[in-house]
Amino acid sequence: MDCPDCSAAVAPLLADDALVEILSRLPAKSLCRFKCVSTAWRDLIADRLRCTNPPQTLEGFFYAFDDDDDGEIHGGGDSDCDDDGEIHGGDDSDGDDDDAPVVCGHFINTLGKPAPLASYSFLKNVLLNIQEFSLLHSCNGLLLFTLRKIGDTYNSLGYLVCNPVTEQWVTVPSSGWEPHSLHVSDDESEDSDSDPDPKPNCCFTYLVFNPAMSPHFQLVEFWTDDAVTVDEVHTYSSETGVWCKRTSQWSGEAVEFTTGGAFAIGMLHLSATSFVNWQIEHTLIVAVDGEGKNRRVIRGPEKDANVAFVGQSQGFLHCMNQRRGNTELSIWALVDYDTEEWVLKHSVTFLQLFERRSCRVDFDYSVIAIHPERNLIFFFQHWDLKLKSYGMDSQELCTLRTLRASHQRIVPYVPYFAESPALHNKRCYFALFGTRQIGCCRYGAQGQLGT
């Protein structure tokens, strides 16, 4: 007969370090299930310090696209692929709103492991009556979405942050941004003086989450009228529940918001270009902290190049440049952050990478990610909808998936196993925006959370 205490006696037989090594090799959802084995295992897995240290690795990618489908969530992937957790936002139950977008989400597994895979299908009940549901960004295990309820004005646009492992989530109120075009009526459009202080017409939002320092997350919004020059910076903290407008320290650099944003050394890094007399002076890396207060400008590795991607790998900031002539991709590592010393890590011709002599970033291809622990990059080919990987050491190409449609956003996913006080419990679902309530809190007049 089996001893009833056998399962409880398993944990003490293994040293913590050995147990962590074993558990770290499990899929995210399996790891969460093993919290039920014993109190010791639960505490070990939930230990925030252990969970935020290696050997966590890239599990795959979430991606979203517009589709005219049935608005249902499908559990499990197709028989010939590794997708899981398809989710559809939008409400077309009455069939009358043909313009309401339906956004489908999938997870692409890069580890070659069987299910269970990562999923955000648990958000189904949250997304009722949500018209706009867009995947924006990921950072250290959390996902960021933008939301808008059917019938609301654009000013009610807010966000949702979730952890697919713990199935926790929380909504974030709007910062107040809306496109300038919505302020201008047809009669006013002919009068340029009708709005002396128009709001910037574009907004780019990034998620900042550093669990080694704090269980809380931050959002950084860049308001810009021309999609490159920063006019205003607004930040949100889950600890205070308040949006703050920061004094702009930006001096006219043209920021490339399409080349990704790397969170490293406690700061968000974006690529930019400085100009002198309308001529390119140098490529730059602009760093800003989650509060939008501290800012640093780092000179890029090459003056005459288009930045294709900025990312973090193996403890170093990386910059991928498309050299002038559009025939080669160079990959640089910032080996000394203080002295701004860059080292050329690898270069590859577009003929080898794409079987084309010339390609343009954002038009023909987009670099999606660099592996956090390996010399491996991931990119998306726009002309055939293929997501591929390229190994710098082996110089081998691998096709991971042919996507169904042109992507809205593809974000890398590294799981985070600990529960966070900044996110609501997965079993608590509340009316979203309908009563302006989020969980047990409600918005004050300025978007501040109040009891």
Protein backbone atom coordinates (compact mmCIF):
# COMPACT_ATOMS: atom_id res chain seq x y z
CA MET A 1 0.00 0.00 0.00
CA ASP A 2 1.26 3.47 -0.81
CA CYS A 3 2.22 5.60 2.11
CA PRO A 4 -0.02 8.67 2.35
CA ASP A 5 2.92 10.77 3.37
CA CYS A 6 5.14 9.74 0.45
CA SER A 7 4.35 12.76 -1.66
CA ALA A 8 5.16 15.10 1.22
CA ALA A 9 8.48 13.32 1.75
CA VAL A 10 9.66 13.85 -1.82
CA ALA A 11 10.71 17.49 -1.42
CA PRO A 12 13.24 17.01 1.41
CA LEU A 13 15.08 14.34 -0.59
CA LEU A 14 16.38 16.92 -3.05
CA ALA A 15 18.52 19.95 -2.32
CA ASP A 16 16.87 23.24 -3.21
CA ASP A 17 19.39 24.03 -5.96
CA ALA A 18 18.86 20.65 -7.62
CA LEU A 19 15.10 20.96 -7.33
CA VAL A 20 15.14 24.45 -8.84
CA GLU A 21 17.23 23.14 -11.75
CA ILE A 22 14.67 20.38 -12.40
CA LEU A 23 11.61 22.57 -12.01
CA SER A 24 13.04 25.28 -14.23
CA ARG A 25 12.99 22.89 -17.18
CA LEU A 26 9.22 22.42 -16.98
CA PRO A 27 6.63 24.34 -19.01
CA ALA A 28 5.17 27.31 -17.21
CA LYS A 29 1.73 25.83 -16.51
CA SER A 30 3.17 22.53 -15.31
CA LEU A 31 5.36 24.41 -12.87
CA CYS A 32 2.33 26.20 -11.42
CA ARG A 33 0.53 22.86 -10.96
CA PHE A 34 3.48 21.50 -8.97
CA LYS A 35 2.82 24.13 -6.31
CA CYS A 36 0.23 21.65 -5.04
CA VAL A 37 2.78 18.89 -4.33
CA SER A 38 3.79 20.20 -0.94
CA THR A 39 4.20 23.34 1.09
CA ALA A 40 7.96 23.25 0.51
CA TRP A 41 7.52 23.05 -3.26
CA ARG A 42 4.91 25.81 -3.20
CA ASP A 43 7.22 28.13 -1.26
CA LEU A 44 10.19 27.28 -3.46
CA ILE A 45 8.32 27.96 -6.70
CA ALA A 46 6.69 31.10 -5.33
CA ASP A 47 9.99 32.47 -4.01
CA ARG A 48 10.26 35.67 -6.02
CA LEU A 49 14.03 35.85 -5.84
CA ARG A 50 14.48 32.34 -7.19
CA CYS A 51 11.81 32.77 -9.84
CA THR A 52 13.45 35.86 -11.27
CA ASN A 53 16.87 34.25 -11.67
CA PRO A 54 18.01 31.98 -14.54
CA PRO A 55 17.54 29.43 -15.99
CA GLN A 56 14.23 30.87 -17.25
CA THR A 57 14.37 31.14 -21.01
CA LEU A 58 12.42 32.15 -24.06
CA GLU A 59 9.40 29.85 -24.40
CA GLY A 60 7.99 31.33 -27.59
CA PHE A 61 6.02 34.21 -29.04
CA PHE A 62 2.54 35.62 -28.73
CA TYR A 63 1.13 37.20 -31.86
CA ALA A 64 -2.19 38.78 -32.79
CA PHE A 65 -3.95 39.60 -36.05
CA ASP A 66 -7.32 40.79 -37.34
CA ASP A 67 -9.63 38.05 -38.55
CA ASP A 68 -13.28 37.56 -39.42
CA ASP A 69 -14.03 34.55 -37.28
CA ASP A 70 -16.64 33.37 -34.83
CA GLY A 71 -15.42 35.21 -31.75
CA GLU A 72 -14.68 32.06 -29.78
CA ILE A 73 -11.73 30.85 -27.79
CA HIS A 74 -10.25 27.57 -28.93
CA GLY A 75 -8.30 25.46 -26.46
CA GLY A 76 -5.32 23.59 -27.81
CA GLY A 77 -3.55 24.02 -31.10
CA ASP A 78 -4.12 22.70 -34.58
CA SER A 79 -2.92 19.20 -35.29
CA ASP A 80 -0.05 20.38 -37.47
CA CYS A 81 1.23 23.25 -35.39
CA ASP A 82 2.24 24.28 -31.89
CA ASP A 83 -0.28 27.09 -31.43
CA ASP A 84 -2.26 27.20 -28.25
CA GLY A 85 -4.63 29.53 -26.48
CA GLU A 86 -6.33 31.19 -29.42
CA ILE A 87 -8.42 34.08 -28.20
CA HIS A 88 -10.84 36.37 -30.02
CA GLY A 89 -11.70 39.86 -28.82
CA GLY A 90 -14.78 41.74 -29.93
CA ASP A 91 -18.48 41.10 -29.84
CA ASP A 92 -20.27 40.30 -33.08
CA SER A 93 -23.05 38.22 -31.57
CA ASP A 94 -25.80 40.30 -33.15
CA GLY A 95 -24.11 40.42 -36.51
CA ASP A 96 -24.96 44.10 -36.95
CA ASP A 97 -21.56 45.66 -36.38
CA ASP A 98 -19.49 44.70 -39.37
CA ASP A 99 -16.82 47.26 -38.50
CA ALA A 100 -16.06 45.86 -35.07
CA PRO A 101 -12.64 44.18 -35.30
CA VAL A 102 -12.07 40.66 -34.10
CA VAL A 103 -8.52 40.08 -32.91
CA CYS A 104 -7.14 36.56 -32.72
CA GLY A 105 -4.17 35.61 -30.58
CA HIS A 106 -1.84 32.64 -30.79
CA PHE A 107 1.23 31.31 -29.03
CA ILE A 108 4.16 29.93 -31.02
CA ASN A 109 6.23 27.43 -29.08
CA THR A 110 9.98 27.58 -29.75
CA LEU A 111 11.04 24.91 -27.23
CA GLY A 112 9.57 21.95 -29.08
CA LYS A 113 7.79 20.81 -25.92
CA PRO A 114 4.30 19.33 -25.87
CA ALA A 115 1.31 21.09 -24.31
CA PRO A 116 0.54 22.72 -21.96
CA LEU A 117 1.73 25.91 -23.60
CA ALA A 118 1.34 29.53 -22.60
CA SER A 119 -2.06 31.08 -23.21
CA TYR A 120 -4.13 34.11 -22.35
CA SER A 121 -7.46 32.40 -23.06
CA PHE A 122 -8.38 32.97 -19.40
CA LEU A 123 -9.18 36.57 -20.42
CA LYS A 124 -12.31 35.51 -22.25
CA ASN A 125 -14.67 36.74 -19.52
CA VAL A 126 -12.76 40.00 -19.27
CA LEU A 127 -13.13 40.76 -22.97
CA LEU A 128 -16.91 40.76 -23.19
CA ASN A 129 -18.08 43.83 -25.15
CA ILE A 130 -14.51 44.86 -25.89
CA GLN A 131 -14.22 46.25 -29.40
CA GLU A 132 -10.49 46.89 -29.57
CA PHE A 133 -8.09 44.34 -28.11
CA SER A 134 -4.49 44.74 -29.23
CA LEU A 135 -1.29 43.11 -28.03
CA LEU A 136 1.32 45.80 -27.49
CA HIS A 137 4.35 44.66 -25.53
CA SER A 138 5.85 42.13 -23.11
CA CYS A 139 8.39 42.47 -20.35
CA ASN A 140 9.77 39.77 -18.02
CA GLY A 141 6.69 37.54 -18.14
CA LEU A 142 3.91 40.15 -18.27
CA LEU A 143 1.85 41.05 -21.35
CA LEU A 144 0.42 44.47 -22.19
CA PHE A 145 -2.81 44.96 -24.17
CA THR A 146 -4.77 48.03 -25.19
CA LEU A 147 -8.56 47.95 -24.77
CA ARG A 148 -11.60 49.93 -25.85
CA LYS A 149 -15.20 49.12 -25.07
CA ILE A 150 -17.87 49.21 -27.79
CA GLY A 151 -19.64 52.56 -27.84
CA ASP A 152 -17.07 54.43 -25.74
CA THR A 153 -15.27 57.48 -26.97
CA TYR A 154 -11.61 57.04 -27.78
CA ASN A 155 -10.74 58.85 -24.57
CA SER A 156 -11.83 55.75 -22.63
CA LEU A 157 -9.03 53.68 -24.13
CA GLY A 158 -7.16 51.84 -21.38
CA TYR A 159 -4.83 48.92 -20.92
CA LEU A 160 -4.73 45.42 -19.50
CA VAL A 161 -1.64 43.78 -17.99
CA CYS A 162 -1.62 40.04 -17.32
CA ASN A 163 0.60 37.11 -16.39
CA PRO A 164 -0.28 34.04 -18.52
CA VAL A 165 1.34 31.69 -15.98
CA THR A 166 -0.56 32.75 -12.87
CA GLU A 167 -3.61 33.92 -14.89
CA GLN A 168 -3.62 37.19 -12.96
CA TRP A 169 -4.57 40.44 -14.64
CA VAL A 170 -5.33 44.08 -13.94
CA THR A 171 -6.70 46.94 -16.01
CA VAL A 172 -5.13 50.39 -16.25
CA PRO A 173 -7.14 53.56 -16.93
CA SER A 174 -6.56 55.80 -19.90
CA SER A 175 -3.90 58.48 -19.62
CA GLY A 176 -6.21 60.85 -21.47
CA TRP A 177 -4.54 60.62 -24.87
CA GLU A 178 -6.67 60.48 -28.00
CA PRO A 179 -5.92 61.22 -31.66
CA HIS A 180 -6.04 64.89 -32.54
CA SER A 181 -8.27 64.10 -35.53
CA LEU A 182 -11.12 63.21 -33.14
CA HIS A 183 -11.08 66.74 -31.73
CA VAL A 184 -11.60 68.38 -35.11
CA SER A 185 -15.02 68.50 -36.75
CA ASP A 186 -15.56 69.01 -40.46
CA ASP A 187 -16.35 72.70 -39.93
CA GLU A 188 -13.33 73.19 -37.71
CA SER A 189 -10.93 71.44 -40.07
CA GLU A 190 -10.86 74.49 -42.30
CA ASP A 191 -9.84 76.73 -39.41
CA SER A 192 -6.31 75.96 -38.28
CA ASP A 193 -6.70 78.24 -35.22
CA SER A 194 -9.68 76.35 -33.81
CA ASP A 195 -7.49 74.27 -31.53
CA PRO A 196 -4.49 76.31 -30.35
CA ASP A 197 -3.08 73.43 -28.27
CA PRO A 198 -3.86 70.13 -30.03
CA LYS A 199 -2.83 66.85 -28.45
CA PRO A 200 -0.11 64.80 -30.16
CA ASN A 201 -1.60 62.48 -32.76
CA CYS A 202 0.40 59.29 -32.00
CA CYS A 203 1.05 57.34 -28.83
CA PHE A 204 3.53 54.52 -28.19
CA THR A 205 3.29 52.58 -24.92
CA TYR A 206 5.84 50.28 -23.28
CA LEU A 207 5.62 47.97 -20.27
CA VAL A 208 8.41 48.07 -17.68
CA PHE A 209 8.60 45.24 -15.14
CA ASN A 210 11.64 44.33 -13.05
CA PRO A 211 10.55 41.68 -10.50
CA ALA A 212 14.03 41.53 -8.98
CA MET A 213 13.50 45.09 -7.77
CA SER A 214 9.73 45.38 -7.26
CA PRO A 215 6.54 43.34 -7.78
CA HIS A 216 4.94 46.42 -9.40
CA PHE A 217 4.97 47.36 -13.06
CA GLN A 218 5.12 50.67 -14.89
CA LEU A 219 3.85 51.96 -18.24
CA VAL A 220 5.68 54.58 -20.29
CA GLU A 221 3.69 56.49 -22.92
CA PHE A 222 5.38 58.59 -25.57
CA TRP A 223 3.10 61.20 -27.14
CA THR A 224 4.22 62.37 -30.57
CA ASP A 225 2.61 64.28 -33.42
CA ASP A 226 4.82 62.92 -36.23
CA ALA A 227 5.52 59.38 -34.88
CA VAL A 228 9.23 60.13 -34.32
CA THR A 229 9.65 63.32 -32.25
CA VAL A 230 8.67 62.99 -28.58
CA ASP A 231 6.36 65.80 -27.43
CA GLU A 232 5.25 64.45 -24.06
CA VAL A 233 6.08 61.52 -21.77
CA HIS A 234 3.43 60.07 -19.44
CA THR A 235 4.08 57.26 -16.94
CA TYR A 236 1.89 54.99 -14.84
CA SER A 237 2.80 53.01 -11.73
CA SER A 238 0.76 50.04 -10.50
CA GLU A 239 1.94 50.90 -6.99
CA THR A 240 0.30 54.35 -6.95
CA GLY A 241 -2.36 53.82 -9.63
CA VAL A 242 -1.66 57.29 -11.01
CA TRP A 243 -0.68 58.62 -14.45
CA CYS A 244 1.95 61.37 -14.32
CA LYS A 245 3.11 63.79 -17.00
CA ARG A 246 6.87 64.11 -16.98
CA THR A 247 8.86 67.15 -17.97
CA SER A 248 10.20 66.43 -21.44
CA GLN A 249 14.00 66.20 -21.67
CA TRP A 250 13.90 65.18 -25.31
CA SER A 251 15.86 67.46 -27.61
CA GLY A 252 14.59 66.61 -31.06
CA GLU A 253 15.98 63.11 -31.63
CA ALA A 254 13.98 61.06 -34.12
CA VAL A 255 12.95 57.95 -32.14
CA GLU A 256 12.41 54.69 -34.03
CA PHE A 257 9.48 53.21 -32.14
CA THR A 258 9.16 50.32 -34.62
CA THR A 259 12.55 48.78 -33.77
CA GLY A 260 11.55 47.35 -30.42
CA GLY A 261 12.40 48.43 -26.93
CA ALA A 262 14.93 46.66 -24.72
CA PHE A 263 14.62 46.65 -20.93
CA ALA A 264 18.12 46.33 -19.50
CA ILE A 265 20.01 47.72 -16.50
CA GLY A 266 16.74 49.04 -15.09
CA MET A 267 15.94 51.21 -18.11
CA LEU A 268 13.95 51.06 -21.35
CA HIS A 269 16.19 51.47 -24.41
CA LEU A 270 14.97 52.77 -27.78
CA SER A 271 16.82 53.56 -30.99
CA ALA A 272 16.97 57.14 -32.26
CA THR A 273 18.78 59.35 -34.76
CA SER A 274 20.25 62.82 -34.24
CA PHE A 275 20.26 65.39 -37.04
CA VAL A 276 22.35 68.50 -37.77
CA ASN A 277 21.13 70.83 -40.51
CA TRP A 278 18.70 68.15 -41.65
CA GLN A 279 21.57 65.70 -42.11
CA ILE A 280 22.05 62.50 -40.07
CA GLU A 281 24.64 63.12 -37.38
CA HIS A 282 24.66 59.71 -35.66
CA THR A 283 22.46 56.79 -34.60
CA LEU A 284 21.66 56.76 -30.90
CA ILE A 285 20.24 54.57 -28.15
CA VAL A 286 17.99 56.57 -25.82
CA ALA A 287 17.36 55.10 -22.35
CA VAL A 288 14.61 56.16 -19.95
CA ASP A 289 13.55 54.70 -16.61
CA GLY A 290 10.04 53.53 -15.75
CA GLU A 291 9.20 56.82 -14.04
CA GLY A 292 10.23 58.85 -17.08
CA LYS A 293 12.60 60.92 -14.94
CA ASN A 294 16.08 59.66 -15.76
CA ARG A 295 17.27 59.73 -19.34
CA ARG A 296 20.52 58.77 -21.01
CA VAL A 297 21.73 58.98 -24.61
CA ILE A 298 24.23 56.38 -25.89
CA ARG A 299 25.95 56.73 -29.24
CA GLY A 300 25.16 53.83 -31.54
CA PRO A 301 27.83 51.54 -33.01
CA GLU A 302 27.58 52.92 -36.55
CA LYS A 303 26.90 56.40 -37.84
CA ASP A 304 25.58 55.63 -41.30
CA ALA A 305 23.09 52.79 -40.72
CA ASN A 306 19.40 52.11 -40.13
CA VAL A 307 18.69 50.51 -36.75
CA ALA A 308 16.61 47.37 -37.26
CA PHE A 309 16.30 46.26 -33.64
CA VAL A 310 17.42 46.94 -30.07
CA GLY A 311 17.38 44.05 -27.59
CA GLN A 312 19.04 42.43 -24.60
CA SER A 313 20.90 39.11 -24.68
CA GLN A 314 23.33 37.36 -22.34
CA GLY A 315 23.54 40.41 -20.11
CA PHE A 316 24.43 42.89 -22.87
CA LEU A 317 22.46 45.44 -24.83
CA HIS A 318 22.43 44.56 -28.56
CA CYS A 319 21.85 46.72 -31.61
CA MET A 320 21.12 45.33 -35.08
CA ASN A 321 21.86 47.66 -37.97
CA GLN A 322 20.83 47.57 -41.59
CA ARG A 323 23.78 49.09 -43.31
CA ARG A 324 23.33 51.66 -46.05
CA GLY A 325 22.68 49.95 -49.33
CA ASN A 326 20.23 47.60 -47.61
CA THR A 327 22.36 44.52 -48.29
CA GLU A 328 23.64 43.46 -44.86
CA LEU A 329 22.61 43.12 -41.22
CA SER A 330 25.24 43.80 -38.56
CA ILE A 331 24.77 42.73 -34.92
CA TRP A 332 26.58 44.69 -32.21
CA ALA A 333 26.94 44.15 -28.45
CA LEU A 334 27.48 46.95 -25.92
CA VAL A 335 30.20 45.26 -23.87
CA ASP A 336 30.86 48.27 -21.62
CA TYR A 337 27.79 50.31 -20.71
CA ASP A 338 29.74 53.05 -18.95
CA THR A 339 32.29 53.73 -21.70
CA GLU A 340 29.79 52.95 -24.50
CA GLU A 341 32.10 50.38 -26.10
CA TRP A 342 30.42 48.42 -28.91
CA VAL A 343 31.81 45.20 -30.41
CA LEU A 344 30.74 43.74 -33.75
CA LYS A 345 29.34 40.33 -32.89
CA HIS A 346 28.16 39.11 -36.27
CA SER A 347 27.21 40.23 -39.75
CA VAL A 348 25.18 38.45 -42.42
CA THR A 349 24.22 39.44 -45.97
CA PHE A 350 20.59 39.72 -46.96
CA LEU A 351 21.29 37.30 -49.78
CA GLN A 352 22.10 34.65 -47.16
CA LEU A 353 19.36 35.73 -44.78
CA PHE A 354 16.48 36.38 -47.20
CA GLU A 355 17.76 35.08 -50.56
CA ARG A 356 17.40 38.67 -51.76
CA ARG A 357 20.19 41.11 -52.45
CA SER A 358 18.40 44.07 -50.93
CA CYS A 359 15.69 44.42 -48.26
CA ARG A 360 14.20 47.25 -46.24
CA VAL A 361 13.48 46.98 -42.55
CA ASP A 362 9.77 47.37 -41.64
CA PHE A 363 8.79 47.00 -45.30
CA ASP A 364 10.29 43.64 -46.25
CA TYR A 365 11.19 42.26 -42.84
CA SER A 366 11.08 43.02 -39.11
CA VAL A 367 13.47 41.75 -36.45
CA ILE A 368 11.27 40.39 -33.66
CA ALA A 369 13.69 39.37 -30.92
CA ILE A 370 17.12 38.18 -29.92
CA HIS A 371 17.31 35.13 -27.69
CA PRO A 372 18.11 36.15 -24.09
CA GLU A 373 20.66 33.34 -23.63
CA ARG A 374 21.85 32.31 -27.11
CA ASN A 375 23.27 33.83 -30.28
CA LEU A 376 19.94 33.49 -32.04
CA ILE A 377 17.77 36.13 -33.69
CA PHE A 378 14.13 35.94 -34.83
CA PHE A 379 12.64 37.85 -37.74
CA PHE A 380 9.42 38.08 -39.73
CA GLN A 381 9.32 38.15 -43.54
CA HIS A 382 6.48 40.36 -44.73
CA TRP A 383 6.23 39.00 -48.26
CA ASP A 384 5.52 35.37 -47.30
CA LEU A 385 4.39 35.77 -43.64
CA LYS A 386 7.12 33.46 -42.33
CA LEU A 387 8.58 33.72 -38.85
CA LYS A 388 12.19 32.52 -38.93
CA SER A 389 15.24 32.16 -36.72
CA TYR A 390 18.90 32.59 -37.59
CA GLY A 391 21.78 31.16 -35.55
CA MET A 392 24.84 33.35 -35.52
CA ASP A 393 27.12 30.47 -34.55
CA SER A 394 25.76 27.84 -36.93
CA GLN A 395 24.61 30.35 -39.60
CA GLU A 396 21.51 28.18 -40.02
CA LEU A 397 18.03 29.40 -40.90
CA CYS A 398 14.90 27.79 -39.52
CA THR A 399 11.28 28.50 -40.43
CA LEU A 400 9.23 28.45 -37.22
CA ARG A 401 5.79 29.20 -38.61
CA THR A 402 3.91 30.65 -41.55
CA LEU A 403 1.42 33.06 -40.00
CA ARG A 404 -2.17 33.39 -41.15
CA ALA A 405 -2.04 37.11 -41.86
CA SER A 406 0.17 40.14 -41.59
CA HIS A 407 0.93 40.44 -37.92
CA GLN A 408 -0.19 43.24 -35.67
CA ARG A 409 2.44 42.53 -33.06
CA ILE A 410 4.72 39.60 -32.26
CA VAL A 411 6.17 39.68 -28.76
CA PRO A 412 8.65 37.29 -27.11
CA TYR A 413 7.57 35.49 -23.96
CA VAL A 414 9.75 34.49 -21.01
CA PRO A 415 7.53 33.13 -18.19
CA TYR A 416 7.39 34.61 -14.72
CA PHE A 417 6.13 32.11 -12.14
CA ALA A 418 5.43 34.21 -9.05
CA GLU A 419 2.11 35.83 -8.24
CA SER A 420 2.15 39.60 -8.02
CA PRO A 421 0.20 41.92 -5.69
CA ALA A 422 0.00 44.36 -8.60
CA LEU A 423 -2.33 41.97 -10.50
CA HIS A 424 -5.81 40.82 -9.50
CA ASN A 425 -6.54 37.24 -8.56
CA LYS A 426 -7.49 35.12 -11.55
CA ARG A 427 -10.86 34.20 -10.02
CA CYS A 428 -12.03 37.79 -9.61
CA TYR A 429 -13.77 39.13 -12.71
CA PHE A 430 -15.29 42.59 -12.61
CA ALA A 431 -17.19 44.76 -15.07
CA LEU A 432 -14.62 46.44 -17.25
CA PHE A 433 -15.04 50.20 -17.66
CA GLY A 434 -18.85 49.84 -17.40
CA THR A 435 -18.97 51.34 -13.90
CA ARG A 436 -15.44 52.76 -14.03
CA GLN A 437 -14.47 50.17 -11.41
CA ILE A 438 -11.45 47.94 -11.41
CA GLY A 439 -11.55 45.26 -8.75
CA CYS A 440 -12.31 46.87 -5.40
CA CYS A 441 -11.15 50.31 -6.53
CA ARG A 442 -12.64 53.07 -8.63
CA TYR A 443 -11.13 55.91 -10.60
CA GLY A 444 -11.00 59.38 -9.17
CA ALA A 445 -11.38 62.51 -11.26
CA GLN A 446 -7.76 62.44 -12.41
CA GLY A 447 -7.53 58.70 -13.03
CA GLN A 448 -6.18 58.04 -9.55
CA LEU A 449 -7.33 54.91 -7.80
CA GLY A 450 -9.49 55.56 -4.77
CA THR A 451 -11.34 53.39 -2.32
